């Protein structure tokens, strides 16, 4: 979590230890609770320099839908 939008989220919301504790895998969604809101991290690739695939993005979106319902 050192590049792109992930670094901006880290700067704004912190709680990196909580994300690591959840031990997410590609295609999963991690949830953070911050004040009165919930933040969802969609994991679409393993490394920051990789490109996400349609399959991993789709899996993450399906998992997000499950979390929200």
C-alpha atoms as a PDB file:
ATOM      1  CA  UNK A   1       0.000   0.000   0.000  1.00  0.00           C
ATOM      2  CA  UNK A   2       2.584   2.507  -1.041  1.00  0.00           C
ATOM      3  CA  UNK A   3       1.434   3.832  -4.400  1.00  0.00           C
ATOM      4  CA  UNK A   4      -1.528   5.387  -6.135  1.00  0.00           C
ATOM      5  CA  UNK A   5      -4.888   5.735  -4.460  1.00  0.00           C
ATOM      6  CA  UNK A   6      -3.901   3.294  -1.689  1.00  0.00           C
ATOM      7  CA  UNK A   7      -1.264   5.687  -0.373  1.00  0.00           C
ATOM      8  CA  UNK A   8      -3.801   8.522  -0.344  1.00  0.00           C
ATOM      9  CA  UNK A   9      -6.278   6.392   1.637  1.00  0.00           C
ATOM     10  CA  UNK A  10      -3.484   5.452   4.026  1.00  0.00           C
ATOM     11  CA  UNK A  11      -2.664   9.121   4.560  1.00  0.00           C
ATOM     12  CA  UNK A  12      -6.297  10.121   5.112  1.00  0.00           C
ATOM     13  CA  UNK A  13      -7.617   7.199   7.155  1.00  0.00           C
ATOM     14  CA  UNK A  14      -4.631   5.233   8.483  1.00  0.00           C
ATOM     15  CA  UNK A  15      -5.552   1.925  10.168  1.00  0.00           C
ATOM     16  CA  UNK A  16      -3.109  -0.052   8.014  1.00  0.00           C
ATOM     17  CA  UNK A  17      -2.607  -2.553  10.857  1.00  0.00           C
ATOM     18  CA  UNK A  18      -6.335  -3.323  10.821  1.00  0.00           C
ATOM     19  CA  UNK A  19      -6.224  -3.988   7.061  1.00  0.00           C
ATOM     20  CA  UNK A  20      -3.235  -6.310   7.456  1.00  0.00           C
ATOM     21  CA  UNK A  21      -4.991  -8.124  10.308  1.00  0.00           C
ATOM     22  CA  UNK A  22      -7.905  -8.929   7.985  1.00  0.00           C
ATOM     23  CA  UNK A  23      -5.434 -10.739   5.680  1.00  0.00           C
ATOM     24  CA  UNK A  24      -7.276 -10.013   2.432  1.00  0.00           C
ATOM     25  CA  UNK A  25      -6.723 -11.880  -0.800  1.00  0.00           C
ATOM     26  CA  UNK A  26      -7.207 -10.791  -4.406  1.00  0.00           C
ATOM     27  CA  UNK A  27     -10.922 -10.562  -5.177  1.00  0.00           C
ATOM     28  CA  UNK A  28     -11.918  -9.862  -1.583  1.00  0.00           C
ATOM     29  CA  UNK A  29     -13.189  -6.738   0.149  1.00  0.00           C
ATOM     30  CA  UNK A  30     -11.802  -5.357   3.407  1.00  0.00           C
ATOM     31  CA  UNK A  31     -13.878  -3.110   5.646  1.00  0.00           C
ATOM     32  CA  UNK A  32     -12.702  -0.331   7.949  1.00  0.00           C
ATOM     33  CA  UNK A  33     -14.923   1.639  10.256  1.00  0.00           C
ATOM     34  CA  UNK A  34     -13.875   5.248  10.619  1.00  0.00           C
ATOM     35  CA  UNK A  35     -15.939   7.566  12.819  1.00  0.00           C
ATOM     36  CA  UNK A  36     -19.460   7.335  11.390  1.00  0.00           C
ATOM     37  CA  UNK A  37     -18.593   5.799   8.039  1.00  0.00           C
ATOM     38  CA  UNK A  38     -17.406   2.533   6.595  1.00  0.00           C
ATOM     39  CA  UNK A  39     -14.564   2.289   4.119  1.00  0.00           C
ATOM     40  CA  UNK A  40     -14.375  -0.646   1.732  1.00  0.00           C
ATOM     41  CA  UNK A  41     -11.110  -1.701   0.125  1.00  0.00           C
ATOM     42  CA  UNK A  42     -11.550  -3.785  -3.017  1.00  0.00           C
ATOM     43  CA  UNK A  43      -8.472  -5.925  -3.610  1.00  0.00           C
ATOM     44  CA  UNK A  44      -8.070  -6.315  -7.366  1.00  0.00           C
ATOM     45  CA  UNK A  45      -4.351  -7.145  -7.620  1.00  0.00           C
ATOM     46  CA  UNK A  46      -1.528  -8.474  -5.484  1.00  0.00           C
ATOM     47  CA  UNK A  47       1.182  -5.882  -6.198  1.00  0.00           C
ATOM     48  CA  UNK A  48       0.899  -2.160  -6.914  1.00  0.00           C
ATOM     49  CA  UNK A  49       2.694  -2.442 -10.259  1.00  0.00           C
ATOM     50  CA  UNK A  50       0.332  -5.142 -11.572  1.00  0.00           C
ATOM     51  CA  UNK A  51      -2.790  -4.467 -13.593  1.00  0.00           C
ATOM     52  CA  UNK A  52      -6.131  -5.751 -12.346  1.00  0.00           C
ATOM     53  CA  UNK A  53      -8.026  -8.216 -14.507  1.00  0.00           C
ATOM     54  CA  UNK A  54     -11.730  -8.075 -15.264  1.00  0.00           C
ATOM     55  CA  UNK A  55     -12.131 -11.299 -13.281  1.00  0.00           C
ATOM     56  CA  UNK A  56     -10.506  -9.971 -10.083  1.00  0.00           C
ATOM     57  CA  UNK A  57     -12.416  -6.690 -10.253  1.00  0.00           C
ATOM     58  CA  UNK A  58     -15.659  -8.627 -10.851  1.00  0.00           C
ATOM     59  CA  UNK A  59     -14.956 -10.921  -7.876  1.00  0.00           C
ATOM     60  CA  UNK A  60     -14.260  -7.925  -5.633  1.00  0.00           C
ATOM     61  CA  UNK A  61     -17.480  -6.214  -6.750  1.00  0.00           C
ATOM     62  CA  UNK A  62     -19.502  -9.374  -6.093  1.00  0.00           C
ATOM     63  CA  UNK A  63     -17.975  -9.621  -2.622  1.00  0.00           C
ATOM     64  CA  UNK A  64     -18.788  -5.960  -2.001  1.00  0.00           C
ATOM     65  CA  UNK A  65     -22.402  -6.631  -2.978  1.00  0.00           C
ATOM     66  CA  UNK A  66     -22.525  -9.486  -0.458  1.00  0.00           C
ATOM     67  CA  UNK A  67     -21.118  -7.225   2.279  1.00  0.00           C
ATOM     68  CA  UNK A  68     -23.681  -4.512   1.583  1.00  0.00           C
ATOM     69  CA  UNK A  69     -26.742  -6.770   1.549  1.00  0.00           C
END
